[in-house]
Amino acid sequence: MSVMDKKRRILIIGAGASGMSAALSAAKNGALVTVAEHNSEAGKKILITGNGRCNYTNTFVSPEHYRCNDKELIGNVLASFGYDDCIKLFKSLGIEPNVIHYRFDESGYVYPKDGGATALRDALYRGCLDEGVSFLFNTDAVDLSINKNEDIFNTSIGEFDAVIIAAGSNAYPATGSDSSVYPILKQFDLGFRPFLPALCALYSKSPLLKELKGKRVEGSISLVIGEDKTYTAAGEIQFNEHSISGIPVMQLSGYAAGALKEKKSCRLIFEGNSFEIHRTAGFDRAQCCSGGIDTDEIIKETLESRKCSGIYLCGELIDAYGECGGYNLHFAWASGFVAGRSAALGK
């Protein structure tokens, strides 16, 4: 085999949705792929998405459904791996789609027709194995001892031509989401915005909540930040004794989290009633997070780090997140696809 024909060796940190997508993409593009995962199995967080049903994409995937400072990056990723590409990929793995339409939303939420999240996770994992991907479980990122020497990454498990960091965010820490990858981000000077909970319930001390406890009401609800910013969403709103939830509130929660961090006042307005918000749900009850690697530091076309060539980023680690409806999982597949292909081709 000539030097030109030599297969590139790719190390992927994280065997979640974006990590396995990156592994499959890199392997299909001729790379030798090793995935390091600190859990004892792959795709643990996938198993709980959609309460086990796994809303894995949406018929209306487009940049407008994402919260990100760089919509061009989102656009590039989705152009490389859109709705049709997602359906085709999972069909090739044996997952047939089931499209469901809900009130207050013109888009179609896509679930596996049979088997739910477990079937999808298992199909993706088998697909990686069929392409020759190697998995190292119970392996923490810091134990890899990654160092770069010219164009080669030297690690405790061998040498690699590129590293894809797909370590996820802090959402659902019970599934293994933690801060164990932070030392590597710091080592390679990757600018990072602290994670904040997103797509979660909002908490209020309003005495009116005791009267509304247990009620589910369809309608529009608005979030007012300070006195000049208002965001509105519609759907089924759920009232609990200390919090307000439901998809429309979850869609607004990321804005609230950012405002609260900046010590700005937040209140939800529903049918003339005002609910002062004092906190969001914690990471353990958040479907995803805002924050992550600053998009200014990522090459839009390839998802390679601008500061350290050979390092690629994907999934929840990037400072971008989607609305409820399958958009976050789609971004995981799409960004993983781009990062894996780019790393395999050396672009």
Protein backbone atom coordinates (compact mmCIF):
# COMPACT_ATOMS: atom_id res chain seq x y z
CA MET A 1 0.00 0.00 0.00
CA SER A 2 1.42 3.38 -0.99
CA VAL A 3 1.53 6.39 1.31
CA MET A 4 -1.32 7.90 -0.73
CA ASP A 5 -3.45 4.81 -0.16
CA LYS A 6 -2.79 4.60 3.56
CA LYS A 7 -5.98 4.63 5.60
CA ARG A 8 -6.31 7.48 8.03
CA ARG A 9 -6.59 6.49 11.69
CA ILE A 10 -9.39 8.26 13.52
CA LEU A 11 -10.01 8.39 17.27
CA ILE A 12 -13.52 9.37 18.36
CA ILE A 13 -14.23 10.37 21.95
CA GLY A 14 -17.82 9.45 22.77
CA ALA A 15 -20.11 6.70 21.50
CA GLY A 16 -23.33 8.65 21.64
CA ALA A 17 -25.49 9.71 18.71
CA SER A 18 -22.96 12.05 17.08
CA GLY A 19 -20.00 9.81 17.93
CA MET A 20 -21.50 6.72 16.30
CA SER A 21 -22.63 8.77 13.30
CA ALA A 22 -19.10 10.12 12.95
CA ALA A 23 -17.67 6.60 13.29
CA LEU A 24 -19.96 5.22 10.58
CA SER A 25 -19.23 8.16 8.28
CA ALA A 26 -15.46 7.97 8.75
CA ALA A 27 -15.39 4.20 8.25
CA LYS A 28 -17.51 4.45 5.08
CA ASN A 29 -14.95 6.96 3.81
CA GLY A 30 -12.11 4.49 4.25
CA ALA A 31 -10.75 5.34 7.71
CA LEU A 32 -9.68 3.00 10.49
CA VAL A 33 -11.88 4.08 13.39
CA THR A 34 -11.58 3.61 17.14
CA VAL A 35 -14.28 4.93 19.49
CA ALA A 36 -13.52 5.49 23.18
CA GLU A 37 -16.56 5.60 25.49
CA HIS A 38 -16.53 5.94 29.28
CA ASN A 39 -19.84 4.09 29.66
CA SER A 40 -20.08 0.32 29.39
CA GLU A 41 -22.27 0.55 26.27
CA ALA A 42 -22.86 2.77 23.26
CA GLY A 43 -25.69 5.25 22.83
CA LYS A 44 -26.94 5.24 26.40
CA LYS A 45 -28.60 8.65 26.05
CA ILE A 46 -30.31 7.60 22.81
CA LEU A 47 -32.27 5.02 24.79
CA ILE A 48 -34.16 7.65 26.78
CA THR A 49 -34.97 10.06 23.94
CA GLY A 50 -38.68 10.59 23.42
CA ASN A 51 -39.36 8.50 26.53
CA GLY A 52 -37.87 5.55 24.70
CA ARG A 53 -39.73 6.19 21.45
CA CYS A 54 -36.81 8.14 19.89
CA ASN A 55 -37.89 11.10 17.78
CA TYR A 56 -34.82 10.88 15.56
CA THR A 57 -35.50 13.55 12.93
CA ASN A 58 -38.17 15.91 11.62
CA THR A 59 -39.68 16.45 8.17
CA PHE A 60 -39.00 20.20 8.48
CA VAL A 61 -35.30 20.12 9.38
CA SER A 62 -33.91 23.58 8.62
CA PRO A 63 -31.66 26.21 10.30
CA GLU A 64 -34.67 28.19 11.59
CA HIS A 65 -35.30 25.46 14.17
CA TYR A 66 -31.87 25.87 15.78
CA ARG A 67 -30.50 28.32 18.34
CA CYS A 68 -26.97 29.15 17.26
CA ASN A 69 -24.91 32.29 16.70
CA ASP A 70 -23.72 30.88 13.38
CA LYS A 71 -26.67 29.89 11.19
CA GLU A 72 -24.26 29.41 8.28
CA LEU A 73 -22.59 26.55 10.15
CA ILE A 74 -25.99 24.98 10.82
CA GLY A 75 -26.94 25.46 7.18
CA ASN A 76 -23.75 23.80 5.94
CA VAL A 77 -24.24 20.81 8.22
CA LEU A 78 -27.88 20.32 7.26
CA ALA A 79 -27.08 20.75 3.56
CA SER A 80 -24.56 17.91 3.88
CA PHE A 81 -26.97 15.64 5.74
CA GLY A 82 -30.63 16.57 5.46
CA TYR A 83 -33.93 14.86 6.15
CA ASP A 84 -33.78 12.57 3.11
CA ASP A 85 -30.21 11.56 3.96
CA CYS A 86 -31.24 10.69 7.50
CA ILE A 87 -34.19 8.57 6.40
CA LYS A 88 -32.01 6.80 3.82
CA LEU A 89 -29.26 6.06 6.34
CA PHE A 90 -31.53 4.54 8.94
CA LYS A 91 -33.50 2.59 6.36
CA SER A 92 -30.20 1.07 5.25
CA LEU A 93 -29.72 0.02 8.88
CA GLY A 94 -33.18 -1.54 9.04
CA ILE A 95 -35.09 1.32 10.69
CA GLU A 96 -38.32 2.27 8.94
CA PRO A 97 -39.75 5.74 9.73
CA ASN A 98 -43.09 6.50 11.32
CA VAL A 99 -44.13 10.15 10.84
CA ILE A 100 -46.50 11.66 13.40
CA HIS A 101 -48.13 15.10 13.19
CA TYR A 102 -49.10 16.96 16.35
CA ARG A 103 -51.38 19.93 16.85
CA PHE A 104 -49.72 23.36 16.92
CA ASP A 105 -46.91 22.05 14.70
CA GLU A 106 -47.03 21.64 10.92
CA SER A 107 -43.90 19.49 10.86
CA GLY A 108 -43.72 15.72 11.14
CA TYR A 109 -42.00 14.10 14.12
CA VAL A 110 -40.22 10.95 12.91
CA TYR A 111 -39.92 7.84 15.09
CA PRO A 112 -38.77 4.27 14.37
CA LYS A 113 -41.77 2.30 13.13
CA ASP A 114 -40.81 -0.64 15.34
CA GLY A 115 -38.64 -1.10 18.39
CA GLY A 116 -38.24 2.53 19.43
CA ALA A 117 -34.96 3.90 20.76
CA THR A 118 -33.44 0.50 21.53
CA ALA A 119 -33.90 -0.73 17.96
CA LEU A 120 -32.39 2.45 16.53
CA ARG A 121 -29.41 2.44 18.90
CA ASP A 122 -28.74 -1.24 18.23
CA ALA A 123 -29.00 -0.76 14.46
CA LEU A 124 -26.53 2.12 14.49
CA TYR A 125 -24.10 0.22 16.68
CA ARG A 126 -24.29 -2.87 14.46
CA GLY A 127 -23.78 -0.66 11.43
CA CYS A 128 -20.56 0.66 12.94
CA LEU A 129 -19.32 -2.84 13.75
CA ASP A 130 -20.13 -4.00 10.22
CA GLU A 131 -17.89 -1.21 8.89
CA GLY A 132 -15.00 -2.36 11.10
CA VAL A 133 -15.27 0.28 13.83
CA SER A 134 -13.59 -0.70 17.11
CA PHE A 135 -15.11 0.33 20.44
CA LEU A 136 -13.29 0.74 23.75
CA PHE A 137 -15.80 0.93 26.59
CA ASN A 138 -15.16 2.03 30.20
CA THR A 139 -12.47 4.34 28.85
CA ASP A 140 -12.31 7.91 30.18
CA ALA A 141 -11.09 10.69 27.91
CA VAL A 142 -8.33 11.77 30.29
CA ASP A 143 -6.95 8.21 30.35
CA LEU A 144 -6.22 8.46 26.62
CA SER A 145 -3.35 10.88 27.35
CA ILE A 146 -3.66 12.65 24.01
CA ASN A 147 -0.69 14.68 22.80
CA LYS A 148 0.00 16.10 19.36
CA ASN A 149 3.40 15.68 17.68
CA GLU A 150 3.42 17.51 14.35
CA ASP A 151 0.47 15.97 12.46
CA ILE A 152 0.10 12.88 14.64
CA PHE A 153 -1.88 12.45 17.85
CA ASN A 154 -0.05 10.18 20.26
CA THR A 155 -2.27 8.47 22.82
CA SER A 156 -2.10 5.66 25.35
CA ILE A 157 -3.87 3.38 22.84
CA GLY A 158 -1.88 4.24 19.72
CA GLU A 159 -1.28 6.91 17.10
CA PHE A 160 -4.04 8.69 15.19
CA ASP A 161 -4.21 11.13 12.30
CA ALA A 162 -7.29 12.91 13.64
CA VAL A 163 -9.44 13.12 16.75
CA ILE A 164 -13.19 13.71 16.77
CA ILE A 165 -14.57 14.96 20.08
CA ALA A 166 -18.20 13.87 20.43
CA ALA A 167 -18.47 13.91 24.20
CA GLY A 168 -21.92 15.50 24.46
CA SER A 169 -23.20 18.06 26.96
CA ASN A 170 -24.16 17.94 30.64
CA ALA A 171 -27.80 17.00 29.97
CA TYR A 172 -28.98 13.79 31.66
CA PRO A 173 -25.84 13.15 33.77
CA ALA A 174 -27.21 9.73 34.75
CA THR A 175 -26.39 8.57 31.21
CA GLY A 176 -22.72 9.46 31.67
CA SER A 177 -22.78 13.10 30.58
CA ASP A 178 -20.20 14.87 32.70
CA SER A 179 -17.17 17.13 32.51
CA SER A 180 -14.53 14.47 31.93
CA VAL A 181 -13.58 15.83 28.50
CA TYR A 182 -12.91 19.36 29.79
CA PRO A 183 -9.17 18.81 30.42
CA ILE A 184 -8.73 17.90 26.74
CA LEU A 185 -10.61 20.99 25.61
CA LYS A 186 -8.40 23.12 27.84
CA GLN A 187 -5.25 21.32 26.71
CA PHE A 188 -5.92 22.20 23.08
CA ASP A 189 -7.18 25.70 23.92
CA LEU A 190 -10.70 25.12 22.61
CA GLY A 191 -12.89 28.06 23.65
CA PHE A 192 -15.87 26.83 25.62
CA ARG A 193 -19.07 28.50 26.81
CA PRO A 194 -20.44 26.95 30.01
CA PHE A 195 -23.40 24.66 29.52
CA LEU A 196 -26.86 25.77 30.65
CA PRO A 197 -30.00 23.60 30.76
CA ALA A 198 -32.30 23.91 27.74
CA LEU A 199 -35.59 22.30 26.67
CA CYS A 200 -36.75 22.00 30.26
CA ALA A 201 -39.37 23.21 32.74
CA LEU A 202 -39.28 26.69 34.26
CA TYR A 203 -39.84 27.30 37.97
CA SER A 204 -41.89 30.03 39.61
CA LYS A 205 -42.92 30.86 43.18
CA SER A 206 -46.25 32.28 42.05
CA PRO A 207 -49.05 31.21 44.45
CA LEU A 208 -51.30 30.81 41.39
CA LEU A 209 -49.48 27.59 40.52
CA LYS A 210 -51.05 25.82 43.50
CA GLU A 211 -54.46 26.51 42.00
CA LEU A 212 -53.39 25.38 38.54
CA LYS A 213 -51.51 22.27 39.69
CA GLY A 214 -52.19 19.31 37.40
CA LYS A 215 -53.90 21.31 34.65
CA ARG A 216 -53.00 20.88 30.97
CA VAL A 217 -54.13 23.72 28.73
CA GLU A 218 -53.64 24.30 25.01
CA GLY A 219 -52.68 27.83 24.02
CA SER A 220 -49.88 30.35 23.55
CA ILE A 221 -47.43 31.39 26.23
CA SER A 222 -44.85 34.17 26.15
CA LEU A 223 -41.52 34.68 27.87
CA VAL A 224 -40.67 38.28 28.68
CA ILE A 225 -37.03 39.09 29.45
CA GLY A 226 -36.57 42.43 31.16
CA GLU A 227 -38.96 44.80 29.45
CA ASP A 228 -37.99 44.57 25.81
CA LYS A 229 -37.60 40.96 24.65
CA THR A 230 -40.54 38.63 24.19
CA TYR A 231 -40.62 35.10 22.79
CA THR A 232 -43.85 33.17 22.19
CA ALA A 233 -44.65 29.49 21.63
CA ALA A 234 -47.87 27.48 21.38
CA GLY A 235 -48.98 24.00 22.34
CA GLU A 236 -50.00 22.10 25.45
CA ILE A 237 -48.89 23.85 28.62
CA GLN A 238 -48.60 21.86 31.84
CA PHE A 239 -48.88 23.40 35.29
CA ASN A 240 -47.31 21.92 38.39
CA GLU A 241 -47.19 23.23 41.95
CA HIS A 242 -43.76 24.79 41.49
CA SER A 243 -43.13 24.79 37.73
CA ILE A 244 -44.57 25.22 34.25
CA SER A 245 -43.67 22.80 31.47
CA GLY A 246 -44.90 21.35 28.19
CA ILE A 247 -43.32 21.71 24.75
CA PRO A 248 -43.99 25.47 24.34
CA VAL A 249 -42.34 26.25 27.69
CA MET A 250 -39.43 23.98 26.84
CA GLN A 251 -38.95 25.86 23.56
CA LEU A 252 -38.59 29.08 25.57
CA SER A 253 -36.44 27.70 28.39
CA GLY A 254 -33.07 28.23 26.70
CA TYR A 255 -33.73 31.96 26.45
CA ALA A 256 -34.73 32.00 30.12
CA ALA A 257 -31.58 30.14 31.19
CA GLY A 258 -29.34 32.65 29.44
CA ALA A 259 -31.22 35.61 30.87
CA LEU A 260 -31.19 34.25 34.41
CA LYS A 261 -27.44 33.68 34.20
CA GLU A 262 -27.10 37.36 33.30
CA LYS A 263 -29.30 38.28 36.30
CA LYS A 264 -32.11 39.54 34.07
CA SER A 265 -35.74 39.24 35.09
CA CYS A 266 -37.88 36.61 33.34
CA ARG A 267 -41.59 36.02 33.44
CA LEU A 268 -44.03 33.80 31.61
CA ILE A 269 -47.30 35.38 30.50
CA PHE A 270 -50.32 33.15 29.97
CA GLU A 271 -53.88 34.42 29.54
CA GLY A 272 -53.04 37.67 31.35
CA ASN A 273 -51.34 35.94 34.27
CA SER A 274 -47.68 36.62 35.00
CA PHE A 275 -45.35 34.00 36.49
CA GLU A 276 -41.96 35.31 37.64
CA ILE A 277 -39.26 32.72 36.81
CA HIS A 278 -36.48 32.21 39.31
CA ARG A 279 -34.77 29.11 37.88
CA THR A 280 -34.84 26.41 35.24
CA ALA A 281 -34.90 22.68 35.82
CA GLY A 282 -31.48 21.16 36.38
CA PHE A 283 -29.32 19.24 33.91
CA ASP A 284 -30.94 16.02 35.07
CA ARG A 285 -34.29 17.19 33.68
CA ALA A 286 -33.06 19.06 30.60
CA GLN A 287 -33.30 17.44 27.17
CA CYS A 288 -30.23 19.32 25.96
CA CYS A 289 -28.01 22.29 26.74
CA SER A 290 -27.02 25.64 25.37
CA GLY A 291 -23.31 26.38 25.44
CA GLY A 292 -20.31 24.38 24.28
CA ILE A 293 -17.47 25.00 21.84
CA ASP A 294 -17.73 28.49 20.38
CA THR A 295 -18.78 28.22 16.72
CA ASP A 296 -16.32 31.00 15.82
CA GLU A 297 -13.58 28.47 16.48
CA ILE A 298 -14.97 25.81 14.13
CA ILE A 299 -14.47 25.67 10.36
CA LYS A 300 -18.03 25.70 9.01
CA GLU A 301 -17.50 23.33 6.11
CA THR A 302 -15.59 20.59 7.93
CA LEU A 303 -16.21 21.09 11.69
CA GLU A 304 -12.46 21.10 12.25
CA SER A 305 -11.03 23.26 15.03
CA ARG A 306 -9.44 26.48 13.78
CA LYS A 307 -6.95 26.40 16.66
CA CYS A 308 -5.81 22.79 16.40
CA SER A 309 -5.77 21.09 13.01
CA GLY A 310 -6.82 17.45 13.13
CA ILE A 311 -9.38 17.94 15.90
CA TYR A 312 -13.03 17.87 14.85
CA LEU A 313 -16.13 18.66 16.90
CA CYS A 314 -19.69 17.41 16.60
CA GLY A 315 -22.99 16.96 18.41
CA GLU A 316 -23.99 18.62 21.66
CA LEU A 317 -20.43 19.77 22.31
CA ILE A 318 -20.95 22.50 19.70
CA ASP A 319 -22.66 25.67 20.96
CA ALA A 320 -25.94 25.01 19.12
CA TYR A 321 -29.17 23.27 19.97
CA GLY A 322 -32.51 22.62 18.32
CA GLU A 323 -36.14 22.93 19.28
CA CYS A 324 -38.21 19.97 20.46
CA GLY A 325 -39.22 17.70 17.60
CA GLY A 326 -36.22 15.59 16.64
CA TYR A 327 -33.99 18.50 15.67
CA ASN A 328 -31.28 17.79 18.24
CA LEU A 329 -30.86 14.16 17.28
CA HIS A 330 -30.82 15.16 13.63
CA PHE A 331 -28.02 17.64 14.33
CA ALA A 332 -26.13 14.87 16.12
CA TRP A 333 -26.37 12.59 13.07
CA ALA A 334 -25.62 15.42 10.64
CA SER A 335 -22.66 16.96 12.47
CA GLY A 336 -21.25 13.50 13.12
CA PHE A 337 -21.55 12.69 9.43
CA VAL A 338 -19.68 15.87 8.45
CA ALA A 339 -16.96 15.50 11.09
CA GLY A 340 -16.42 11.82 10.26
CA ARG A 341 -16.19 12.38 6.54
CA SER A 342 -13.90 15.40 6.94
CA ALA A 343 -11.55 13.58 9.32
CA ALA A 344 -11.41 10.49 7.08
CA LEU A 345 -10.61 12.54 3.98
CA GLY A 346 -8.18 14.81 5.80
CA LYS A 347 -10.10 17.98 4.98
